[in-house]
Amino acid sequence: MVIIARSFHRTEKILLKRIATAVVLIPIVLVLILRAPVPVLAGVAGIIALITIHEFLKLTESYGVQPMPLPTYILTAAFFVVLGIASDVPLLSTGQFLVMLAFAAAVAPFLFLTRAMRGEDLRAGYPAAAASVFAFSYIALPMGMLVQLRQQAAGAFYVLYLLLVVWAGDIFAYFVGKSMGRHLMAPRISPKKTWEGAVASVVASVAVGWTLFHYALPLSSNMLRMGLIQRRDGLFGLEQPAMGPIIALTIILNIAAQLGDLVESLIKRGARVKDSGAILPGHGGMLDRIDAMLFAAPVLWYYVAWRIVQ
């Protein structure tokens, strides 16, 4: 009984820390995505990417890989500086950003493998370069997509939709899985995740996504009236958006987010650590907090890009 009581008390303390951190961070994040100029958002996204990449590279050391932190930080910082400068160009086009994205992804292996040639142990060069390339592609590029999405027409609304859908899914997966979960989803990777929690996550995300788009006009009008967005940042169409595609998109986003969570759990499980870091009380590291977003953001970016070219 004493052990159970201590476990319950420990869980309660962690939950309170999670709630307190969320209460502080969520308003800051919402103001940033709704109101901050895109260059400022690019700067913040770059800092988050650098912190997350630092955590990821520390995890790779548990796999016996000695990464290249400094070159990885330099490339990541340069990517977001260019993105912030380019955002001064009115409506950086999706095509221009795609070229920038492709160039960054193509040049990363070249840079890191070239740097590896200077190392004393040539056998360590390729694993180190591979870890840095993966860190850049896995973390920096999706964060860049999030910034460019914000710059597009109705970008603030879409980023808000993405965040709320992912957060709702995460919250309901946690509480439903904890209270009602019986069937484990991936016990070797994440022992606490259940199919009941996964289903609740999808339902919650769909409910939030449907509500946001069903009330898109009054919601955008109210945010405009409150000075939270500019007119180009909201959805002001008089016609009701078709809900079928929105529901399908929301389900895909939720599945991508849950896969992102599982992939990060796989990396941590292999590294034999519980959290990627300790920067966020009750949540662990930055990677623990944005793992779902790293998979979901590219999905939404491609959807919006597809709509633009139609």
C-alpha atoms as a PDB file:
ATOM      1  CA  MET A   1       0.000   0.000   0.000  1.00  0.00           C
ATOM      2  CA  VAL A   2       2.848   2.371   0.839  1.00  0.00           C
ATOM      3  CA  ILE A   3       4.473   1.697  -2.550  1.00  0.00           C
ATOM      4  CA  ILE A   4       1.168   2.326  -4.345  1.00  0.00           C
ATOM      5  CA  ALA A   5       0.648   5.560  -2.400  1.00  0.00           C
ATOM      6  CA  ARG A   6       4.140   6.774  -3.252  1.00  0.00           C
ATOM      7  CA  SER A   7       3.640   5.912  -6.917  1.00  0.00           C
ATOM      8  CA  PHE A   8       0.318   7.776  -6.961  1.00  0.00           C
ATOM      9  CA  HIS A   9       1.894  10.784  -5.261  1.00  0.00           C
ATOM     10  CA  ARG A  10       4.769  10.811  -7.758  1.00  0.00           C
ATOM     11  CA  THR A  11       2.336  10.592 -10.700  1.00  0.00           C
ATOM     12  CA  GLU A  12       0.271  13.417  -9.235  1.00  0.00           C
ATOM     13  CA  LYS A  13       3.345  15.651  -8.886  1.00  0.00           C
ATOM     14  CA  ILE A  14       4.373  14.972 -12.493  1.00  0.00           C
ATOM     15  CA  LEU A  15       0.845  15.761 -13.698  1.00  0.00           C
ATOM     16  CA  LEU A  16       0.802  19.046 -11.762  1.00  0.00           C
ATOM     17  CA  LYS A  17       4.152  19.996 -13.281  1.00  0.00           C
ATOM     18  CA  ARG A  18       2.840  19.177 -16.764  1.00  0.00           C
ATOM     19  CA  ILE A  19      -0.233  21.342 -16.215  1.00  0.00           C
ATOM     20  CA  ALA A  20       1.785  24.255 -14.774  1.00  0.00           C
ATOM     21  CA  THR A  21       4.232  24.172 -17.690  1.00  0.00           C
ATOM     22  CA  ALA A  22       1.365  24.043 -20.194  1.00  0.00           C
ATOM     23  CA  VAL A  23      -0.421  26.973 -18.516  1.00  0.00           C
ATOM     24  CA  VAL A  24       2.719  29.094 -18.903  1.00  0.00           C
ATOM     25  CA  LEU A  25       3.776  27.990 -22.397  1.00  0.00           C
ATOM     26  CA  ILE A  26       0.471  27.684 -24.291  1.00  0.00           C
ATOM     27  CA  PRO A  27      -0.440  31.421 -24.188  1.00  0.00           C
ATOM     28  CA  ILE A  28       3.113  32.323 -25.279  1.00  0.00           C
ATOM     29  CA  VAL A  29       2.972  29.861 -28.180  1.00  0.00           C
ATOM     30  CA  LEU A  30      -0.470  31.086 -29.273  1.00  0.00           C
ATOM     31  CA  VAL A  31       0.596  34.747 -29.258  1.00  0.00           C
ATOM     32  CA  LEU A  32       3.708  33.843 -31.266  1.00  0.00           C
ATOM     33  CA  ILE A  33       1.861  31.961 -33.992  1.00  0.00           C
ATOM     34  CA  LEU A  34      -1.003  34.457 -34.219  1.00  0.00           C
ATOM     35  CA  ARG A  35       0.676  37.811 -33.744  1.00  0.00           C
ATOM     36  CA  ALA A  36       4.461  37.629 -34.093  1.00  0.00           C
ATOM     37  CA  PRO A  37       6.053  38.776 -37.376  1.00  0.00           C
ATOM     38  CA  VAL A  38       7.311  35.849 -39.432  1.00  0.00           C
ATOM     39  CA  PRO A  39      11.024  36.742 -38.929  1.00  0.00           C
ATOM     40  CA  VAL A  40      10.485  36.614 -35.158  1.00  0.00           C
ATOM     41  CA  LEU A  41       8.682  33.292 -35.508  1.00  0.00           C
ATOM     42  CA  ALA A  42      11.575  31.997 -37.624  1.00  0.00           C
ATOM     43  CA  GLY A  43      14.013  33.039 -34.902  1.00  0.00           C
ATOM     44  CA  VAL A  44      12.028  31.302 -32.163  1.00  0.00           C
ATOM     45  CA  ALA A  45      11.563  28.194 -34.306  1.00  0.00           C
ATOM     46  CA  GLY A  46      15.312  28.182 -34.950  1.00  0.00           C
ATOM     47  CA  ILE A  47      16.086  28.316 -31.233  1.00  0.00           C
ATOM     48  CA  ILE A  48      13.643  25.473 -30.544  1.00  0.00           C
ATOM     49  CA  ALA A  49      15.206  23.457 -33.386  1.00  0.00           C
ATOM     50  CA  LEU A  50      18.713  24.016 -31.983  1.00  0.00           C
ATOM     51  CA  ILE A  51      17.671  22.913 -28.489  1.00  0.00           C
ATOM     52  CA  THR A  52      15.904  19.859 -29.895  1.00  0.00           C
ATOM     53  CA  ILE A  53      18.849  18.922 -32.104  1.00  0.00           C
ATOM     54  CA  HIS A  54      21.164  19.238 -29.101  1.00  0.00           C
ATOM     55  CA  GLU A  55      18.984  16.748 -27.216  1.00  0.00           C
ATOM     56  CA  PHE A  56      18.842  14.401 -30.198  1.00  0.00           C
ATOM     57  CA  LEU A  57      22.607  14.415 -30.726  1.00  0.00           C
ATOM     58  CA  LYS A  58      23.096  13.607 -27.037  1.00  0.00           C
ATOM     59  CA  LEU A  59      20.799  10.612 -27.526  1.00  0.00           C
ATOM     60  CA  THR A  60      22.894   9.385 -30.451  1.00  0.00           C
ATOM     61  CA  GLU A  61      25.902   9.129 -28.155  1.00  0.00           C
ATOM     62  CA  SER A  62      24.095   6.285 -26.377  1.00  0.00           C
ATOM     63  CA  TYR A  63      24.256   4.404 -29.683  1.00  0.00           C
ATOM     64  CA  GLY A  64      28.042   4.669 -29.728  1.00  0.00           C
ATOM     65  CA  VAL A  65      28.023   7.517 -32.262  1.00  0.00           C
ATOM     66  CA  GLN A  66      30.089  10.663 -31.734  1.00  0.00           C
ATOM     67  CA  PRO A  67      28.063  13.297 -33.619  1.00  0.00           C
ATOM     68  CA  MET A  68      29.171  16.616 -35.121  1.00  0.00           C
ATOM     69  CA  PRO A  69      27.318  19.129 -32.962  1.00  0.00           C
ATOM     70  CA  LEU A  70      28.935  22.395 -34.071  1.00  0.00           C
ATOM     71  CA  PRO A  71      28.507  21.906 -37.863  1.00  0.00           C
ATOM     72  CA  THR A  72      24.919  20.751 -37.247  1.00  0.00           C
ATOM     73  CA  TYR A  73      24.154  23.859 -35.189  1.00  0.00           C
ATOM     74  CA  ILE A  74      25.743  26.126 -37.809  1.00  0.00           C
ATOM     75  CA  LEU A  75      23.736  24.633 -40.693  1.00  0.00           C
ATOM     76  CA  THR A  76      20.515  24.762 -38.666  1.00  0.00           C
ATOM     77  CA  ALA A  77      21.077  28.373 -37.606  1.00  0.00           C
ATOM     78  CA  ALA A  78      21.919  29.373 -41.195  1.00  0.00           C
ATOM     79  CA  PHE A  79      18.742  27.685 -42.468  1.00  0.00           C
ATOM     80  CA  PHE A  80      16.510  29.679 -40.116  1.00  0.00           C
ATOM     81  CA  VAL A  81      18.407  32.938 -40.689  1.00  0.00           C
ATOM     82  CA  VAL A  82      17.835  32.562 -44.441  1.00  0.00           C
ATOM     83  CA  LEU A  83      14.204  31.642 -43.789  1.00  0.00           C
ATOM     84  CA  GLY A  84      13.747  34.721 -41.591  1.00  0.00           C
ATOM     85  CA  ILE A  85      15.371  37.017 -44.169  1.00  0.00           C
ATOM     86  CA  ALA A  86      13.388  35.470 -47.033  1.00  0.00           C
ATOM     87  CA  SER A  87      10.170  36.042 -45.105  1.00  0.00           C
ATOM     88  CA  ASP A  88      10.634  39.780 -45.652  1.00  0.00           C
ATOM     89  CA  VAL A  89       9.825  39.038 -49.295  1.00  0.00           C
ATOM     90  CA  PRO A  90       6.030  39.444 -49.498  1.00  0.00           C
ATOM     91  CA  LEU A  91       4.487  35.988 -49.396  1.00  0.00           C
ATOM     92  CA  LEU A  92       7.512  33.749 -49.948  1.00  0.00           C
ATOM     93  CA  SER A  93       5.976  31.349 -52.430  1.00  0.00           C
ATOM     94  CA  THR A  94       5.584  27.653 -51.773  1.00  0.00           C
ATOM     95  CA  GLY A  95       7.640  26.938 -54.875  1.00  0.00           C
ATOM     96  CA  GLN A  96      10.521  29.132 -53.676  1.00  0.00           C
ATOM     97  CA  PHE A  97      10.451  27.508 -50.262  1.00  0.00           C
ATOM     98  CA  LEU A  98      10.390  24.039 -51.820  1.00  0.00           C
ATOM     99  CA  VAL A  99      13.566  24.883 -53.766  1.00  0.00           C
ATOM    100  CA  MET A 100      15.157  26.135 -50.540  1.00  0.00           C
ATOM    101  CA  LEU A 101      14.067  22.984 -48.733  1.00  0.00           C
ATOM    102  CA  ALA A 102      15.442  20.690 -51.445  1.00  0.00           C
ATOM    103  CA  PHE A 103      18.755  22.546 -51.529  1.00  0.00           C
ATOM    104  CA  ALA A 104      19.159  22.344 -47.739  1.00  0.00           C
ATOM    105  CA  ALA A 105      18.338  18.616 -47.710  1.00  0.00           C
ATOM    106  CA  ALA A 106      20.747  17.936 -50.595  1.00  0.00           C
ATOM    107  CA  VAL A 107      23.651  19.982 -49.252  1.00  0.00           C
ATOM    108  CA  ALA A 108      23.498  18.563 -45.703  1.00  0.00           C
ATOM    109  CA  PRO A 109      25.055  15.131 -46.515  1.00  0.00           C
ATOM    110  CA  PHE A 110      27.741  16.826 -48.614  1.00  0.00           C
ATOM    111  CA  LEU A 111      28.711  19.213 -45.811  1.00  0.00           C
ATOM    112  CA  PHE A 112      28.760  16.657 -43.018  1.00  0.00           C
ATOM    113  CA  LEU A 113      30.590  13.961 -45.007  1.00  0.00           C
ATOM    114  CA  THR A 114      33.154  16.557 -46.092  1.00  0.00           C
ATOM    115  CA  ARG A 115      33.632  17.493 -42.456  1.00  0.00           C
ATOM    116  CA  ALA A 116      33.985  13.788 -41.567  1.00  0.00           C
ATOM    117  CA  MET A 117      37.075  13.524 -43.768  1.00  0.00           C
ATOM    118  CA  ARG A 118      38.963  15.633 -41.228  1.00  0.00           C
ATOM    119  CA  GLY A 119      38.374  13.167 -38.394  1.00  0.00           C
ATOM    120  CA  GLU A 120      41.111  10.879 -37.088  1.00  0.00           C
ATOM    121  CA  ASP A 121      38.902   7.777 -36.970  1.00  0.00           C
ATOM    122  CA  LEU A 122      37.538   7.304 -40.486  1.00  0.00           C
ATOM    123  CA  ARG A 123      35.195   4.532 -39.319  1.00  0.00           C
ATOM    124  CA  ALA A 124      33.413   7.077 -37.121  1.00  0.00           C
ATOM    125  CA  GLY A 125      32.958   9.587 -39.942  1.00  0.00           C
ATOM    126  CA  TYR A 126      29.942   8.111 -41.683  1.00  0.00           C
ATOM    127  CA  PRO A 127      27.866   7.411 -38.501  1.00  0.00           C
ATOM    128  CA  ALA A 128      28.610  10.930 -37.246  1.00  0.00           C
ATOM    129  CA  ALA A 129      27.615  12.503 -40.572  1.00  0.00           C
ATOM    130  CA  ALA A 130      24.491  10.321 -40.786  1.00  0.00           C
ATOM    131  CA  ALA A 131      23.400  11.404 -37.285  1.00  0.00           C
ATOM    132  CA  SER A 132      23.798  15.079 -38.197  1.00  0.00           C
ATOM    133  CA  VAL A 133      21.972  14.709 -41.526  1.00  0.00           C
ATOM    134  CA  PHE A 134      19.116  12.887 -39.791  1.00  0.00           C
ATOM    135  CA  ALA A 135      18.946  15.508 -37.033  1.00  0.00           C
ATOM    136  CA  PHE A 136      18.692  18.299 -39.618  1.00  0.00           C
ATOM    137  CA  SER A 137      16.062  16.506 -41.726  1.00  0.00           C
ATOM    138  CA  TYR A 138      14.078  15.178 -38.762  1.00  0.00           C
ATOM    139  CA  ILE A 139      13.945  18.405 -36.756  1.00  0.00           C
ATOM    140  CA  ALA A 140      15.031  21.534 -38.645  1.00  0.00           C
ATOM    141  CA  LEU A 141      13.159  20.965 -41.909  1.00  0.00           C
ATOM    142  CA  PRO A 142       9.720  20.315 -40.318  1.00  0.00           C
ATOM    143  CA  MET A 143      10.171  23.363 -38.077  1.00  0.00           C
ATOM    144  CA  GLY A 144      10.993  25.386 -41.203  1.00  0.00           C
ATOM    145  CA  MET A 145       7.804  24.094 -42.843  1.00  0.00           C
ATOM    146  CA  LEU A 146       5.851  25.343 -39.843  1.00  0.00           C
ATOM    147  CA  VAL A 147       7.317  28.832 -40.252  1.00  0.00           C
ATOM    148  CA  GLN A 148       6.613  28.963 -43.998  1.00  0.00           C
ATOM    149  CA  LEU A 149       3.083  27.669 -43.422  1.00  0.00           C
ATOM    150  CA  ARG A 150       2.507  30.612 -41.083  1.00  0.00           C
ATOM    151  CA  GLN A 151       3.446  33.018 -43.893  1.00  0.00           C
ATOM    152  CA  GLN A 152       0.891  31.702 -46.361  1.00  0.00           C
ATOM    153  CA  ALA A 153      -2.644  33.080 -46.683  1.00  0.00           C
ATOM    154  CA  ALA A 154      -4.683  31.963 -43.634  1.00  0.00           C
ATOM    155  CA  GLY A 155      -1.395  30.606 -42.267  1.00  0.00           C
ATOM    156  CA  ALA A 156      -2.077  31.601 -38.660  1.00  0.00           C
ATOM    157  CA  PHE A 157      -5.404  29.770 -38.752  1.00  0.00           C
ATOM    158  CA  TYR A 158      -3.797  26.623 -40.170  1.00  0.00           C
ATOM    159  CA  VAL A 159      -0.973  26.630 -37.612  1.00  0.00           C
ATOM    160  CA  LEU A 160      -3.530  27.151 -34.829  1.00  0.00           C
ATOM    161  CA  TYR A 161      -5.542  24.241 -36.223  1.00  0.00           C
ATOM    162  CA  LEU A 162      -2.442  22.040 -36.283  1.00  0.00           C
ATOM    163  CA  LEU A 163      -1.452  22.836 -32.712  1.00  0.00           C
ATOM    164  CA  LEU A 164      -4.937  22.368 -31.260  1.00  0.00           C
ATOM    165  CA  VAL A 165      -5.498  19.101 -33.146  1.00  0.00           C
ATOM    166  CA  VAL A 166      -2.172  17.668 -31.944  1.00  0.00           C
ATOM    167  CA  TRP A 167      -2.612  18.926 -28.369  1.00  0.00           C
ATOM    168  CA  ALA A 168      -6.170  17.595 -28.108  1.00  0.00           C
ATOM    169  CA  GLY A 169      -5.111  14.201 -29.428  1.00  0.00           C
ATOM    170  CA  ASP A 170      -2.177  14.054 -27.012  1.00  0.00           C
ATOM    171  CA  ILE A 171      -4.263  15.015 -23.971  1.00  0.00           C
ATOM    172  CA  PHE A 172      -7.064  12.549 -24.647  1.00  0.00           C
ATOM    173  CA  ALA A 173      -4.636   9.748 -25.493  1.00  0.00           C
ATOM    174  CA  TYR A 174      -2.933  10.310 -22.132  1.00  0.00           C
ATOM    175  CA  PHE A 175      -6.014  10.433 -19.916  1.00  0.00           C
ATOM    176  CA  VAL A 176      -8.128   7.810 -21.699  1.00  0.00           C
ATOM    177  CA  GLY A 177      -5.159   5.481 -22.049  1.00  0.00           C
ATOM    178  CA  LYS A 178      -4.317   5.894 -18.382  1.00  0.00           C
ATOM    179  CA  SER A 179      -7.852   5.350 -17.101  1.00  0.00           C
ATOM    180  CA  MET A 180      -9.359   2.924 -19.635  1.00  0.00           C
ATOM    181  CA  GLY A 181      -6.469   1.532 -21.667  1.00  0.00           C
ATOM    182  CA  ARG A 182      -6.314  -2.277 -21.757  1.00  0.00           C
ATOM    183  CA  HIS A 183      -4.842  -3.211 -25.142  1.00  0.00           C
ATOM    184  CA  LEU A 184      -1.206  -2.189 -25.587  1.00  0.00           C
ATOM    185  CA  MET A 185      -0.286  -0.638 -28.916  1.00  0.00           C
ATOM    186  CA  ALA A 186       3.500  -1.062 -28.999  1.00  0.00           C
ATOM    187  CA  PRO A 187       4.674  -2.562 -25.687  1.00  0.00           C
ATOM    188  CA  ARG A 188       8.318  -2.896 -26.760  1.00  0.00           C
ATOM    189  CA  ILE A 189       8.523   0.773 -27.776  1.00  0.00           C
ATOM    190  CA  SER A 190       6.071   2.590 -25.506  1.00  0.00           C
ATOM    191  CA  PRO A 191       4.604   0.339 -22.791  1.00  0.00           C
ATOM    192  CA  LYS A 192       1.956   2.848 -21.672  1.00  0.00           C
ATOM    193  CA  LYS A 193       0.380   3.573 -25.066  1.00  0.00           C
ATOM    194  CA  THR A 194      -2.877   1.736 -25.720  1.00  0.00           C
ATOM    195  CA  TRP A 195      -5.280   1.332 -28.620  1.00  0.00           C
ATOM    196  CA  GLU A 196      -8.041   2.839 -26.479  1.00  0.00           C
ATOM    197  CA  GLY A 197      -5.924   5.959 -26.014  1.00  0.00           C
ATOM    198  CA  ALA A 198      -5.125   6.054 -29.736  1.00  0.00           C
ATOM    199  CA  VAL A 199      -8.809   5.902 -30.701  1.00  0.00           C
ATOM    200  CA  ALA A 200      -9.674   8.604 -28.150  1.00  0.00           C
ATOM    201  CA  SER A 201      -6.876  10.709 -29.615  1.00  0.00           C
ATOM    202  CA  VAL A 202      -8.341  10.478 -33.133  1.00  0.00           C
ATOM    203  CA  VAL A 203     -11.854  11.289 -31.909  1.00  0.00           C
ATOM    204  CA  ALA A 204     -10.646  14.322 -29.932  1.00  0.00           C
ATOM    205  CA  SER A 205      -8.604  15.639 -32.866  1.00  0.00           C
ATOM    206  CA  VAL A 206     -11.524  15.255 -35.277  1.00  0.00           C
ATOM    207  CA  ALA A 207     -13.859  17.041 -32.847  1.00  0.00           C
ATOM    208  CA  VAL A 208     -11.447  19.973 -32.510  1.00  0.00           C
ATOM    209  CA  GLY A 209     -10.691  20.124 -36.249  1.00  0.00           C
ATOM    210  CA  TRP A 210     -14.365  20.002 -37.204  1.00  0.00           C
ATOM    211  CA  THR A 211     -15.234  22.723 -34.680  1.00  0.00           C
ATOM    212  CA  LEU A 212     -12.457  25.049 -35.867  1.00  0.00           C
ATOM    213  CA  PHE A 213     -13.443  24.857 -39.527  1.00  0.00           C
ATOM    214  CA  HIS A 214     -17.196  24.843 -38.878  1.00  0.00           C
ATOM    215  CA  TYR A 215     -16.828  28.119 -36.986  1.00  0.00           C
ATOM    216  CA  ALA A 216     -13.880  29.418 -39.026  1.00  0.00           C
ATOM    217  CA  LEU A 217     -15.561  32.688 -40.072  1.00  0.00           C
ATOM    218  CA  PRO A 218     -16.744  33.865 -36.614  1.00  0.00           C
ATOM    219  CA  LEU A 219     -13.520  32.622 -35.013  1.00  0.00           C
ATOM    220  CA  SER A 220     -11.367  34.496 -37.545  1.00  0.00           C
ATOM    221  CA  SER A 221     -13.555  37.607 -37.215  1.00  0.00           C
ATOM    222  CA  ASN A 222     -13.259  37.600 -33.425  1.00  0.00           C
ATOM    223  CA  MET A 223      -9.459  37.133 -33.550  1.00  0.00           C
ATOM    224  CA  LEU A 224      -9.240  39.994 -36.067  1.00  0.00           C
ATOM    225  CA  ARG A 225     -11.386  42.205 -33.842  1.00  0.00           C
ATOM    226  CA  MET A 226      -9.166  41.401 -30.838  1.00  0.00           C
ATOM    227  CA  GLY A 227      -6.041  42.276 -32.803  1.00  0.00           C
ATOM    228  CA  LEU A 228      -4.651  38.721 -32.621  1.00  0.00           C
ATOM    229  CA  ILE A 229      -4.381  38.299 -36.398  1.00  0.00           C
ATOM    230  CA  GLN A 230      -4.323  40.367 -39.562  1.00  0.00           C
ATOM    231  CA  ARG A 231      -6.990  39.809 -42.171  1.00  0.00           C
ATOM    232  CA  ARG A 232      -4.809  37.634 -44.425  1.00  0.00           C
ATOM    233  CA  ASP A 233      -4.079  35.295 -41.485  1.00  0.00           C
ATOM    234  CA  GLY A 234      -7.649  34.024 -41.020  1.00  0.00           C
ATOM    235  CA  LEU A 235     -10.373  32.217 -42.959  1.00  0.00           C
ATOM    236  CA  PHE A 236     -13.051  34.682 -44.035  1.00  0.00           C
ATOM    237  CA  GLY A 237     -14.795  32.788 -46.831  1.00  0.00           C
ATOM    238  CA  LEU A 238     -18.577  33.039 -46.652  1.00  0.00           C
ATOM    239  CA  GLU A 239     -19.014  29.468 -47.900  1.00  0.00           C
ATOM    240  CA  GLN A 240     -18.793  26.680 -45.340  1.00  0.00           C
ATOM    241  CA  PRO A 241     -15.644  24.561 -45.953  1.00  0.00           C
ATOM    242  CA  ALA A 242     -16.352  20.982 -47.045  1.00  0.00           C
ATOM    243  CA  MET A 243     -16.106  18.923 -43.873  1.00  0.00           C
ATOM    244  CA  GLY A 244     -15.281  15.594 -45.508  1.00  0.00           C
ATOM    245  CA  PRO A 245     -11.751  16.612 -46.594  1.00  0.00           C
ATOM    246  CA  ILE A 246     -11.184  18.398 -43.257  1.00  0.00           C
ATOM    247  CA  ILE A 247     -12.106  15.296 -41.259  1.00  0.00           C
ATOM    248  CA  ALA A 248      -9.877  13.128 -43.479  1.00  0.00           C
ATOM    249  CA  LEU A 249      -6.995  15.592 -43.113  1.00  0.00           C
ATOM    250  CA  THR A 250      -7.440  15.724 -39.340  1.00  0.00           C
ATOM    251  CA  ILE A 251      -7.355  11.925 -39.065  1.00  0.00           C
ATOM    252  CA  ILE A 252      -4.161  11.801 -41.148  1.00  0.00           C
ATOM    253  CA  LEU A 253      -2.605  14.552 -39.023  1.00  0.00           C
ATOM    254  CA  ASN A 254      -3.496  12.668 -35.847  1.00  0.00           C
ATOM    255  CA  ILE A 255      -2.009   9.419 -37.156  1.00  0.00           C
ATOM    256  CA  ALA A 256       1.163  11.278 -38.205  1.00  0.00           C
ATOM    257  CA  ALA A 257       1.375  12.861 -34.750  1.00  0.00           C
ATOM    258  CA  GLN A 258       0.974   9.514 -32.981  1.00  0.00           C
ATOM    259  CA  LEU A 259       3.630   7.974 -35.243  1.00  0.00           C
ATOM    260  CA  GLY A 260       5.935  10.887 -34.429  1.00  0.00           C
ATOM    261  CA  ASP A 261       5.450  10.174 -30.738  1.00  0.00           C
ATOM    262  CA  LEU A 262       6.196   6.476 -31.250  1.00  0.00           C
ATOM    263  CA  VAL A 263       9.297   7.165 -33.333  1.00  0.00           C
ATOM    264  CA  GLU A 264      10.726   9.369 -30.588  1.00  0.00           C
ATOM    265  CA  SER A 265       9.907   6.643 -28.049  1.00  0.00           C
ATOM    266  CA  LEU A 266      11.810   4.185 -30.250  1.00  0.00           C
ATOM    267  CA  ILE A 267      14.861   6.453 -30.258  1.00  0.00           C
ATOM    268  CA  LYS A 268      14.722   6.915 -26.491  1.00  0.00           C
ATOM    269  CA  ARG A 269      14.108   3.214 -25.871  1.00  0.00           C
ATOM    270  CA  GLY A 270      17.189   2.358 -27.913  1.00  0.00           C
ATOM    271  CA  ALA A 271      19.174   4.971 -25.975  1.00  0.00           C
ATOM    272  CA  ARG A 272      17.730   3.596 -22.697  1.00  0.00           C
ATOM    273  CA  VAL A 273      16.532   6.948 -21.402  1.00  0.00           C
ATOM    274  CA  LYS A 274      13.089   8.062 -20.239  1.00  0.00           C
ATOM    275  CA  ASP A 275      13.180  11.665 -21.496  1.00  0.00           C
ATOM    276  CA  SER A 276      15.204  13.447 -24.150  1.00  0.00           C
ATOM    277  CA  GLY A 277      16.060  16.201 -21.653  1.00  0.00           C
ATOM    278  CA  ALA A 278      14.787  18.128 -18.655  1.00  0.00           C
ATOM    279  CA  ILE A 279      14.208  21.649 -19.978  1.00  0.00           C
ATOM    280  CA  LEU A 280      10.394  21.483 -19.557  1.00  0.00           C
ATOM    281  CA  PRO A 281       9.214  20.479 -16.048  1.00  0.00           C
ATOM    282  CA  GLY A 282       6.788  17.565 -16.225  1.00  0.00           C
ATOM    283  CA  HIS A 283       7.315  17.132 -19.977  1.00  0.00           C
ATOM    284  CA  GLY A 284      10.993  16.242 -20.196  1.00  0.00           C
ATOM    285  CA  GLY A 285      12.965  17.682 -23.096  1.00  0.00           C
ATOM    286  CA  MET A 286      12.025  19.807 -26.074  1.00  0.00           C
ATOM    287  CA  LEU A 287      12.032  16.738 -28.329  1.00  0.00           C
ATOM    288  CA  ASP A 288       9.528  15.090 -25.979  1.00  0.00           C
ATOM    289  CA  ARG A 289       7.244  18.083 -26.470  1.00  0.00           C
ATOM    290  CA  ILE A 290       7.433  18.564 -30.249  1.00  0.00           C
ATOM    291  CA  ASP A 291       7.943  14.955 -31.430  1.00  0.00           C
ATOM    292  CA  ALA A 292       4.356  14.679 -32.709  1.00  0.00           C
ATOM    293  CA  MET A 293       4.574  18.059 -34.463  1.00  0.00           C
ATOM    294  CA  LEU A 294       7.675  16.980 -36.405  1.00  0.00           C
ATOM    295  CA  PHE A 295       5.621  14.389 -38.287  1.00  0.00           C
ATOM    296  CA  ALA A 296       2.342  16.309 -38.462  1.00  0.00           C
ATOM    297  CA  ALA A 297       3.702  19.676 -39.675  1.00  0.00           C
ATOM    298  CA  PRO A 298       4.977  18.363 -43.059  1.00  0.00           C
ATOM    299  CA  VAL A 299       1.608  16.687 -43.681  1.00  0.00           C
ATOM    300  CA  LEU A 300      -0.288  19.953 -43.210  1.00  0.00           C
ATOM    301  CA  TRP A 301       2.331  21.918 -45.170  1.00  0.00           C
ATOM    302  CA  TYR A 302       1.926  19.606 -48.165  1.00  0.00           C
ATOM    303  CA  TYR A 303      -1.874  19.836 -47.914  1.00  0.00           C
ATOM    304  CA  VAL A 304      -1.800  23.640 -47.963  1.00  0.00           C
ATOM    305  CA  ALA A 305       0.783  23.610 -50.783  1.00  0.00           C
ATOM    306  CA  TRP A 306      -1.471  21.267 -52.780  1.00  0.00           C
ATOM    307  CA  ARG A 307      -4.428  23.628 -52.273  1.00  0.00           C
ATOM    308  CA  ILE A 308      -2.365  26.581 -53.483  1.00  0.00           C
ATOM    309  CA  VAL A 309      -1.375  24.928 -56.769  1.00  0.00           C
ATOM    310  CA  GLN A 310      -4.938  23.758 -57.526  1.00  0.00           C
END
